Amino acid sequence: MPWRPGTREGMGGTMEYTQSGDVILVRLYQDEDLFEQLTRVADACDIQTGIVISGIGMLKQAELNFFVKNGEYSAVLFPEPMELVSMTGSIIRQDEDLHFHLHAVLARHTKEAVAGHLSKGKVNVTNEIAVLKTGAKASRKIDPATGLMALSLGEE
């Protein structure tokens, strides 16, 4: 399948994407909301299940969450610009809603790194993200043992 460029007009910003086969490359720009733009790409490319295989660049106003105990997370907001050293995870469409489960490693200018479950983030300068679109059947369901929305494989 040839590269299919995304258009900037009507996409809610300057974000760009292109798709070749099942691989989607995304470029995000300054001040764009990472989750809003990934939602637009997922909708435009009809992603039902996807794997975020790579994410690099810079984020600001990033929020990382850390599992505490059954169903409870602790959130930490990092307002300053930080390098997005690595981002991976999954995208699952369920009942017309998208569920993102992304983990990120962020680094301060001092080279100190922090990592966790990414729940918010705005682009600082740029982001480059690669998503693998899959045909895998997957959903998210509450796991009674942890209280988390856990991955469930197979039919919903």
N, C-alpha and C. Protein backbone atom coordinates (compact mmCIF):
# COMPACT_ATOMS: atom_id res chain seq x y z
N MET A 1 0.86 -1.18 0.00
CA MET A 1 0.00 0.00 0.00
C MET A 1 0.90 1.24 0.00
N PRO A 2 0.62 2.22 -0.83
CA PRO A 2 1.45 3.42 -0.87
C PRO A 2 1.26 4.27 0.38
N TRP A 3 2.24 5.13 0.63
CA TRP A 3 2.12 6.05 1.76
C TRP A 3 0.89 6.90 1.58
N ARG A 4 0.15 7.09 2.65
CA ARG A 4 -1.09 7.87 2.61
C ARG A 4 -0.92 9.04 3.57
N PRO A 5 -0.61 10.22 3.05
CA PRO A 5 -0.38 11.35 3.96
C PRO A 5 -1.67 11.85 4.59
N GLY A 6 -1.59 12.20 5.85
CA GLY A 6 -2.71 12.83 6.52
C GLY A 6 -2.70 14.31 6.19
N THR A 7 -3.86 14.90 6.18
CA THR A 7 -3.92 16.32 5.88
C THR A 7 -3.86 17.12 7.16
N ARG A 8 -3.26 18.26 7.09
CA ARG A 8 -3.20 19.13 8.27
C ARG A 8 -4.53 19.83 8.48
N GLU A 9 -5.18 20.26 7.42
CA GLU A 9 -6.47 20.93 7.55
C GLU A 9 -7.52 19.93 8.03
N GLY A 10 -8.35 20.36 8.96
CA GLY A 10 -9.43 19.52 9.45
C GLY A 10 -8.98 18.49 10.48
N MET A 11 -7.71 18.44 10.80
CA MET A 11 -7.21 17.47 11.78
C MET A 11 -7.03 18.13 13.14
N GLY A 12 -7.36 19.41 13.27
CA GLY A 12 -7.31 20.06 14.56
C GLY A 12 -5.92 20.50 14.97
N GLY A 13 -5.07 20.84 14.02
CA GLY A 13 -3.72 21.28 14.35
C GLY A 13 -2.80 21.02 13.19
N THR A 14 -1.53 20.97 13.47
CA THR A 14 -0.55 20.79 12.40
C THR A 14 -0.03 19.36 12.35
N MET A 15 -0.58 18.49 13.16
CA MET A 15 -0.17 17.09 13.20
C MET A 15 -0.18 16.50 11.79
N GLU A 16 0.77 15.59 11.53
CA GLU A 16 0.80 14.88 10.26
C GLU A 16 0.92 13.39 10.54
N TYR A 17 0.37 12.58 9.64
CA TYR A 17 0.55 11.13 9.74
C TYR A 17 0.61 10.56 8.34
N THR A 18 1.18 9.37 8.25
CA THR A 18 1.19 8.64 7.00
C THR A 18 1.13 7.16 7.33
N GLN A 19 0.55 6.39 6.43
CA GLN A 19 0.38 4.96 6.67
C GLN A 19 0.92 4.18 5.49
N SER A 20 1.68 3.12 5.77
CA SER A 20 2.13 2.17 4.76
C SER A 20 1.83 0.78 5.31
N GLY A 21 0.92 0.08 4.67
CA GLY A 21 0.50 -1.21 5.21
C GLY A 21 -0.09 -1.01 6.59
N ASP A 22 0.44 -1.72 7.57
CA ASP A 22 -0.07 -1.62 8.94
C ASP A 22 0.75 -0.70 9.83
N VAL A 23 1.72 0.00 9.25
CA VAL A 23 2.56 0.91 10.04
C VAL A 23 2.10 2.35 9.80
N ILE A 24 1.88 3.06 10.90
CA ILE A 24 1.46 4.45 10.85
C ILE A 24 2.53 5.29 11.54
N LEU A 25 3.04 6.28 10.83
CA LEU A 25 4.01 7.21 11.41
C LEU A 25 3.31 8.53 11.66
N VAL A 26 3.57 9.12 12.83
CA VAL A 26 2.89 10.34 13.27
C VAL A 26 3.93 11.38 13.67
N ARG A 27 3.72 12.61 13.24
CA ARG A 27 4.55 13.73 13.68
C ARG A 27 3.64 14.72 14.37
N LEU A 28 3.93 15.00 15.64
CA LEU A 28 3.18 16.00 16.41
C LEU A 28 4.03 17.24 16.57
N TYR A 29 3.36 18.38 16.70
CA TYR A 29 4.04 19.67 16.77
C TYR A 29 3.79 20.37 18.11
N GLN A 30 4.55 21.41 18.33
CA GLN A 30 4.53 22.22 19.55
C GLN A 30 3.11 22.47 20.04
N ASP A 31 2.91 22.21 21.34
CA ASP A 31 1.67 22.50 22.07
C ASP A 31 0.48 21.61 21.74
N GLU A 32 0.65 20.62 20.87
CA GLU A 32 -0.46 19.72 20.60
C GLU A 32 -0.60 18.73 21.75
N ASP A 33 -1.84 18.36 22.04
CA ASP A 33 -2.12 17.37 23.07
C ASP A 33 -1.89 15.98 22.47
N LEU A 34 -1.00 15.22 23.09
CA LEU A 34 -0.62 13.91 22.58
C LEU A 34 -1.82 12.98 22.42
N PHE A 35 -2.67 12.90 23.43
CA PHE A 35 -3.81 11.98 23.40
C PHE A 35 -4.89 12.43 22.40
N GLU A 36 -5.14 13.72 22.31
CA GLU A 36 -6.12 14.22 21.33
C GLU A 36 -5.67 13.88 19.92
N GLN A 37 -4.40 14.09 19.63
CA GLN A 37 -3.91 13.85 18.27
C GLN A 37 -3.83 12.36 17.96
N LEU A 38 -3.43 11.54 18.93
CA LEU A 38 -3.42 10.09 18.68
C LEU A 38 -4.84 9.56 18.47
N THR A 39 -5.82 10.16 19.13
CA THR A 39 -7.22 9.79 18.91
C THR A 39 -7.63 10.11 17.48
N ARG A 40 -7.24 11.27 16.99
CA ARG A 40 -7.57 11.65 15.61
C ARG A 40 -6.93 10.70 14.60
N VAL A 41 -5.69 10.32 14.85
CA VAL A 41 -5.02 9.38 13.96
C VAL A 41 -5.71 8.02 14.01
N ALA A 42 -6.03 7.54 15.21
CA ALA A 42 -6.70 6.24 15.36
C ALA A 42 -8.04 6.23 14.63
N ASP A 43 -8.78 7.34 14.72
CA ASP A 43 -10.06 7.43 14.01
C ASP A 43 -9.84 7.46 12.50
N ALA A 44 -8.91 8.28 12.04
CA ALA A 44 -8.66 8.42 10.60
C ALA A 44 -8.16 7.12 9.98
N CYS A 45 -7.38 6.36 10.72
CA CYS A 45 -6.78 5.11 10.21
C CYS A 45 -7.58 3.88 10.62
N ASP A 46 -8.72 4.08 11.25
CA ASP A 46 -9.60 2.99 11.68
C ASP A 46 -8.86 1.95 12.52
N ILE A 47 -8.13 2.42 13.50
CA ILE A 47 -7.42 1.50 14.40
C ILE A 47 -8.42 0.90 15.39
N GLN A 48 -8.51 -0.42 15.39
CA GLN A 48 -9.30 -1.14 16.37
C GLN A 48 -8.39 -1.61 17.51
N THR A 49 -7.23 -2.12 17.14
CA THR A 49 -6.20 -2.52 18.09
C THR A 49 -4.86 -2.11 17.49
N GLY A 50 -4.08 -1.38 18.26
CA GLY A 50 -2.78 -0.93 17.78
C GLY A 50 -1.75 -1.02 18.87
N ILE A 51 -0.50 -1.15 18.44
CA ILE A 51 0.63 -1.18 19.37
C ILE A 51 1.49 0.04 19.09
N VAL A 52 1.69 0.87 20.10
CA VAL A 52 2.62 1.99 19.96
C VAL A 52 4.01 1.38 20.13
N ILE A 53 4.73 1.30 19.03
CA ILE A 53 6.03 0.62 19.07
C ILE A 53 7.18 1.58 19.33
N SER A 54 6.95 2.88 19.15
CA SER A 54 8.01 3.84 19.40
C SER A 54 7.41 5.23 19.57
N GLY A 55 7.95 5.97 20.50
CA GLY A 55 7.58 7.36 20.68
C GLY A 55 8.77 8.11 21.25
N ILE A 56 9.20 9.17 20.55
CA ILE A 56 10.33 9.98 21.01
C ILE A 56 10.02 11.45 20.78
N GLY A 57 10.78 12.33 21.40
CA GLY A 57 10.62 13.77 21.24
C GLY A 57 10.72 14.46 22.58
N MET A 58 9.83 15.42 22.80
CA MET A 58 9.76 16.14 24.07
C MET A 58 8.31 16.34 24.46
N LEU A 59 8.06 16.29 25.78
CA LEU A 59 6.75 16.58 26.33
C LEU A 59 6.87 17.64 27.41
N LYS A 60 5.79 18.32 27.65
CA LYS A 60 5.65 19.20 28.81
C LYS A 60 4.28 18.92 29.39
N GLN A 61 4.06 19.33 30.61
CA GLN A 61 2.80 19.06 31.30
C GLN A 61 2.45 17.58 31.22
N ALA A 62 3.48 16.75 31.33
CA ALA A 62 3.28 15.30 31.30
C ALA A 62 2.85 14.81 32.68
N GLU A 63 1.93 13.87 32.69
CA GLU A 63 1.49 13.27 33.94
C GLU A 63 1.78 11.78 33.88
N LEU A 64 2.51 11.31 34.87
CA LEU A 64 2.80 9.89 35.00
C LEU A 64 2.06 9.35 36.21
N ASN A 65 1.52 8.16 36.06
CA ASN A 65 0.78 7.50 37.14
C ASN A 65 1.54 6.26 37.57
N PHE A 66 1.42 5.96 38.86
CA PHE A 66 2.11 4.82 39.45
C PHE A 66 1.09 4.02 40.25
N PHE A 67 1.05 2.71 40.01
CA PHE A 67 0.13 1.83 40.72
C PHE A 67 0.47 1.81 42.21
N VAL A 68 -0.53 2.01 43.06
CA VAL A 68 -0.33 2.02 44.51
C VAL A 68 -0.88 0.72 45.12
N LYS A 69 -2.17 0.49 44.90
CA LYS A 69 -2.82 -0.72 45.38
C LYS A 69 -4.12 -0.89 44.61
N ASN A 70 -4.89 -1.89 44.93
CA ASN A 70 -6.08 -2.27 44.19
C ASN A 70 -6.86 -1.07 43.65
N GLY A 71 -6.77 -0.87 42.33
CA GLY A 71 -7.52 0.18 41.66
C GLY A 71 -7.06 1.60 41.93
N GLU A 72 -5.97 1.79 42.63
CA GLU A 72 -5.54 3.13 43.02
C GLU A 72 -4.18 3.47 42.41
N TYR A 73 -4.11 4.67 41.83
CA TYR A 73 -2.88 5.19 41.25
C TYR A 73 -2.48 6.47 41.96
N SER A 74 -1.22 6.77 41.91
CA SER A 74 -0.70 8.05 42.37
C SER A 74 -0.23 8.78 41.12
N ALA A 75 -0.72 10.00 40.91
CA ALA A 75 -0.36 10.79 39.72
C ALA A 75 0.65 11.86 40.09
N VAL A 76 1.64 12.05 39.21
CA VAL A 76 2.64 13.10 39.37
C VAL A 76 2.69 13.90 38.08
N LEU A 77 2.48 15.22 38.19
CA LEU A 77 2.53 16.12 37.04
C LEU A 77 3.94 16.69 36.94
N PHE A 78 4.49 16.63 35.74
CA PHE A 78 5.80 17.21 35.45
C PHE A 78 5.58 18.36 34.46
N PRO A 79 5.43 19.60 34.98
CA PRO A 79 5.09 20.71 34.10
C PRO A 79 6.22 21.15 33.17
N GLU A 80 7.47 20.91 33.57
CA GLU A 80 8.61 21.39 32.79
C GLU A 80 8.82 20.52 31.55
N PRO A 81 9.43 21.08 30.50
CA PRO A 81 9.76 20.28 29.31
C PRO A 81 10.73 19.16 29.67
N MET A 82 10.44 17.97 29.16
CA MET A 82 11.30 16.80 29.40
C MET A 82 11.42 16.01 28.11
N GLU A 83 12.59 15.39 27.91
CA GLU A 83 12.78 14.52 26.75
C GLU A 83 11.87 13.31 26.88
N LEU A 84 11.18 12.99 25.81
CA LEU A 84 10.44 11.74 25.72
C LEU A 84 11.43 10.72 25.16
N VAL A 85 12.07 9.99 26.05
CA VAL A 85 13.12 9.05 25.67
C VAL A 85 12.52 7.81 25.02
N SER A 86 11.38 7.37 25.54
CA SER A 86 10.74 6.17 25.01
C SER A 86 9.27 6.17 25.42
N MET A 87 8.42 5.74 24.48
CA MET A 87 7.01 5.55 24.78
C MET A 87 6.53 4.31 24.03
N THR A 88 5.87 3.41 24.75
CA THR A 88 5.30 2.21 24.14
C THR A 88 3.95 1.95 24.78
N GLY A 89 3.18 1.07 24.17
CA GLY A 89 1.90 0.73 24.77
C GLY A 89 0.91 0.20 23.76
N SER A 90 -0.38 0.30 24.13
CA SER A 90 -1.43 -0.23 23.27
C SER A 90 -2.57 0.77 23.13
N ILE A 91 -3.29 0.60 22.03
CA ILE A 91 -4.51 1.37 21.75
C ILE A 91 -5.59 0.34 21.45
N ILE A 92 -6.68 0.41 22.18
CA ILE A 92 -7.78 -0.55 21.95
C ILE A 92 -9.09 0.22 21.84
N ARG A 93 -9.81 -0.03 20.76
CA ARG A 93 -11.14 0.56 20.57
C ARG A 93 -12.15 -0.43 21.14
N GLN A 94 -12.96 0.07 22.05
CA GLN A 94 -13.96 -0.79 22.71
C GLN A 94 -15.22 0.03 22.91
N ASP A 95 -16.33 -0.45 22.41
CA ASP A 95 -17.60 0.27 22.51
C ASP A 95 -17.47 1.70 22.01
N GLU A 96 -16.79 1.87 20.89
CA GLU A 96 -16.57 3.17 20.24
C GLU A 96 -15.64 4.11 21.02
N ASP A 97 -15.11 3.68 22.17
CA ASP A 97 -14.16 4.48 22.92
C ASP A 97 -12.76 3.92 22.70
N LEU A 98 -11.77 4.81 22.73
CA LEU A 98 -10.38 4.38 22.64
C LEU A 98 -9.79 4.30 24.03
N HIS A 99 -9.09 3.20 24.29
CA HIS A 99 -8.38 3.02 25.55
C HIS A 99 -6.89 3.01 25.25
N PHE A 100 -6.18 3.99 25.79
CA PHE A 100 -4.74 4.06 25.63
C PHE A 100 -4.08 3.51 26.88
N HIS A 101 -3.11 2.66 26.71
CA HIS A 101 -2.28 2.20 27.83
C HIS A 101 -0.84 2.44 27.40
N LEU A 102 -0.34 3.62 27.78
CA LEU A 102 0.99 4.05 27.35
C LEU A 102 1.91 4.20 28.55
N HIS A 103 3.13 3.73 28.39
CA HIS A 103 4.18 3.95 29.39
C HIS A 103 5.26 4.78 28.74
N ALA A 104 5.87 5.64 29.54
CA ALA A 104 6.89 6.54 29.00
C ALA A 104 8.07 6.67 29.96
N VAL A 105 9.22 6.90 29.36
CA VAL A 105 10.42 7.28 30.09
C VAL A 105 10.71 8.72 29.69
N LEU A 106 10.76 9.59 30.69
CA LEU A 106 11.03 11.02 30.48
C LEU A 106 12.33 11.38 31.17
N ALA A 107 13.09 12.31 30.58
CA ALA A 107 14.36 12.73 31.18
C ALA A 107 14.40 14.24 31.32
N ARG A 108 14.85 14.66 32.50
CA ARG A 108 15.05 16.09 32.76
C ARG A 108 16.36 16.54 32.11
N HIS A 109 16.57 17.86 32.08
CA HIS A 109 17.82 18.39 31.50
C HIS A 109 19.05 17.93 32.28
N THR A 110 18.84 17.49 33.52
CA THR A 110 19.94 16.99 34.35
C THR A 110 20.29 15.54 34.02
N LYS A 111 19.54 14.95 33.09
CA LYS A 111 19.69 13.55 32.65
C LYS A 111 19.05 12.57 33.62
N GLU A 112 18.36 13.05 34.64
CA GLU A 112 17.61 12.19 35.55
C GLU A 112 16.37 11.71 34.82
N ALA A 113 16.09 10.42 34.90
CA ALA A 113 14.93 9.85 34.21
C ALA A 113 13.83 9.47 35.19
N VAL A 114 12.59 9.61 34.73
CA VAL A 114 11.42 9.16 35.46
C VAL A 114 10.58 8.36 34.47
N ALA A 115 9.80 7.43 34.99
CA ALA A 115 9.00 6.58 34.10
C ALA A 115 7.71 6.20 34.78
N GLY A 116 6.72 5.85 33.98
CA GLY A 116 5.45 5.41 34.52
C GLY A 116 4.38 5.37 33.45
N HIS A 117 3.14 5.22 33.89
CA HIS A 117 1.97 5.17 33.02
C HIS A 117 1.64 6.61 32.60
N LEU A 118 1.74 6.90 31.31
CA LEU A 118 1.50 8.25 30.80
C LEU A 118 0.01 8.51 30.65
N SER A 119 -0.50 9.54 31.32
CA SER A 119 -1.93 9.84 31.23
C SER A 119 -2.22 11.21 30.63
N LYS A 120 -1.21 12.08 30.53
CA LYS A 120 -1.37 13.40 29.93
C LYS A 120 -0.03 13.82 29.34
N GLY A 121 -0.10 14.71 28.37
CA GLY A 121 1.13 15.27 27.84
C GLY A 121 0.88 16.20 26.67
N LYS A 122 1.60 17.30 26.66
CA LYS A 122 1.58 18.23 25.53
C LYS A 122 2.96 18.20 24.89
N VAL A 123 2.95 18.33 23.58
CA VAL A 123 4.20 18.29 22.83
C VAL A 123 5.02 19.54 23.11
N ASN A 124 6.29 19.35 23.34
CA ASN A 124 7.25 20.44 23.40
C ASN A 124 8.20 20.20 22.24
N VAL A 125 8.21 21.06 21.28
CA VAL A 125 9.00 21.00 20.05
C VAL A 125 8.41 19.98 19.06
N THR A 126 8.58 18.66 19.32
CA THR A 126 8.11 17.66 18.37
C THR A 126 7.96 16.30 19.05
N ASN A 127 7.15 15.45 18.46
CA ASN A 127 7.05 14.03 18.82
C ASN A 127 7.03 13.24 17.52
N GLU A 128 7.69 12.09 17.53
CA GLU A 128 7.64 11.15 16.42
C GLU A 128 7.16 9.82 16.99
N ILE A 129 6.06 9.32 16.46
CA ILE A 129 5.41 8.15 17.03
C ILE A 129 5.15 7.14 15.91
N ALA A 130 5.42 5.87 16.19
CA ALA A 130 5.12 4.79 15.25
C ALA A 130 4.10 3.85 15.90
N VAL A 131 3.04 3.55 15.14
CA VAL A 131 1.97 2.67 15.61
C VAL A 131 1.82 1.51 14.63
N LEU A 132 1.74 0.30 15.17
CA LEU A 132 1.47 -0.89 14.37
C LEU A 132 -0.01 -1.22 14.52
N LYS A 133 -0.75 -1.15 13.43
CA LYS A 133 -2.17 -1.48 13.43
C LYS A 133 -2.29 -3.00 13.32
N THR A 134 -3.05 -3.62 14.23
CA THR A 134 -3.16 -5.08 14.22
C THR A 134 -4.61 -5.51 14.06
N GLY A 135 -4.79 -6.76 13.72
CA GLY A 135 -6.12 -7.33 13.65
C GLY A 135 -6.45 -8.13 14.89
N ALA A 136 -5.61 -8.03 15.91
CA ALA A 136 -5.81 -8.80 17.15
C ALA A 136 -7.11 -8.39 17.83
N LYS A 137 -7.81 -9.36 18.35
CA LYS A 137 -9.03 -9.10 19.13
C LYS A 137 -8.61 -8.87 20.57
N ALA A 138 -8.90 -7.68 21.08
CA ALA A 138 -8.53 -7.35 22.46
C ALA A 138 -9.53 -6.36 23.03
N SER A 139 -9.64 -6.36 24.34
CA SER A 139 -10.49 -5.41 25.04
C SER A 139 -9.87 -5.15 26.41
N ARG A 140 -10.52 -4.31 27.18
CA ARG A 140 -10.07 -4.03 28.55
C ARG A 140 -11.23 -4.32 29.48
N LYS A 141 -10.92 -5.04 30.55
CA LYS A 141 -11.93 -5.39 31.56
C LYS A 141 -11.31 -5.21 32.94
N ILE A 142 -12.15 -4.90 33.90
CA ILE A 142 -11.68 -4.77 35.28
C ILE A 142 -11.19 -6.13 35.77
N ASP A 143 -9.96 -6.15 36.25
CA ASP A 143 -9.39 -7.34 36.88
C ASP A 143 -9.70 -7.26 38.37
N PRO A 144 -10.52 -8.17 38.91
CA PRO A 144 -10.92 -8.09 40.32
C PRO A 144 -9.73 -8.15 41.28
N ALA A 145 -8.67 -8.83 40.91
CA ALA A 145 -7.51 -8.97 41.81
C ALA A 145 -6.75 -7.66 41.97
N THR A 146 -6.73 -6.81 40.91
CA THR A 146 -5.94 -5.58 40.96
C THR A 146 -6.79 -4.32 40.90
N GLY A 147 -8.04 -4.44 40.41
CA GLY A 147 -8.87 -3.27 40.23
C GLY A 147 -8.49 -2.46 38.99
N LEU A 148 -7.61 -3.02 38.15
CA LEU A 148 -7.14 -2.32 36.96
C LEU A 148 -7.94 -2.74 35.73
N MET A 149 -7.99 -1.85 34.75
CA MET A 149 -8.55 -2.18 33.43
C MET A 149 -7.49 -2.99 32.71
N ALA A 150 -7.58 -4.30 32.82
CA ALA A 150 -6.55 -5.18 32.30
C ALA A 150 -6.87 -5.63 30.87
N LEU A 151 -5.82 -6.00 30.17
CA LEU A 151 -5.95 -6.51 28.82
C LEU A 151 -6.67 -7.84 28.83
N SER A 152 -7.65 -7.97 27.96
CA SER A 152 -8.39 -9.21 27.79
C SER A 152 -8.27 -9.59 26.33
N LEU A 153 -7.77 -10.79 26.06
CA LEU A 153 -7.54 -11.21 24.69
C LEU A 153 -8.69 -12.06 24.18
N GLY A 154 -8.96 -11.95 22.91
CA GLY A 154 -10.07 -12.68 22.31
C GLY A 154 -11.25 -11.78 22.12
N GLU A 155 -12.40 -12.36 22.03
CA GLU A 155 -13.63 -11.58 21.80
C GLU A 155 -13.99 -10.75 23.03
N GLU A 156 -14.64 -9.59 22.75
CA GLU A 156 -15.04 -8.70 23.85
C GLU A 156 -16.12 -9.34 24.68
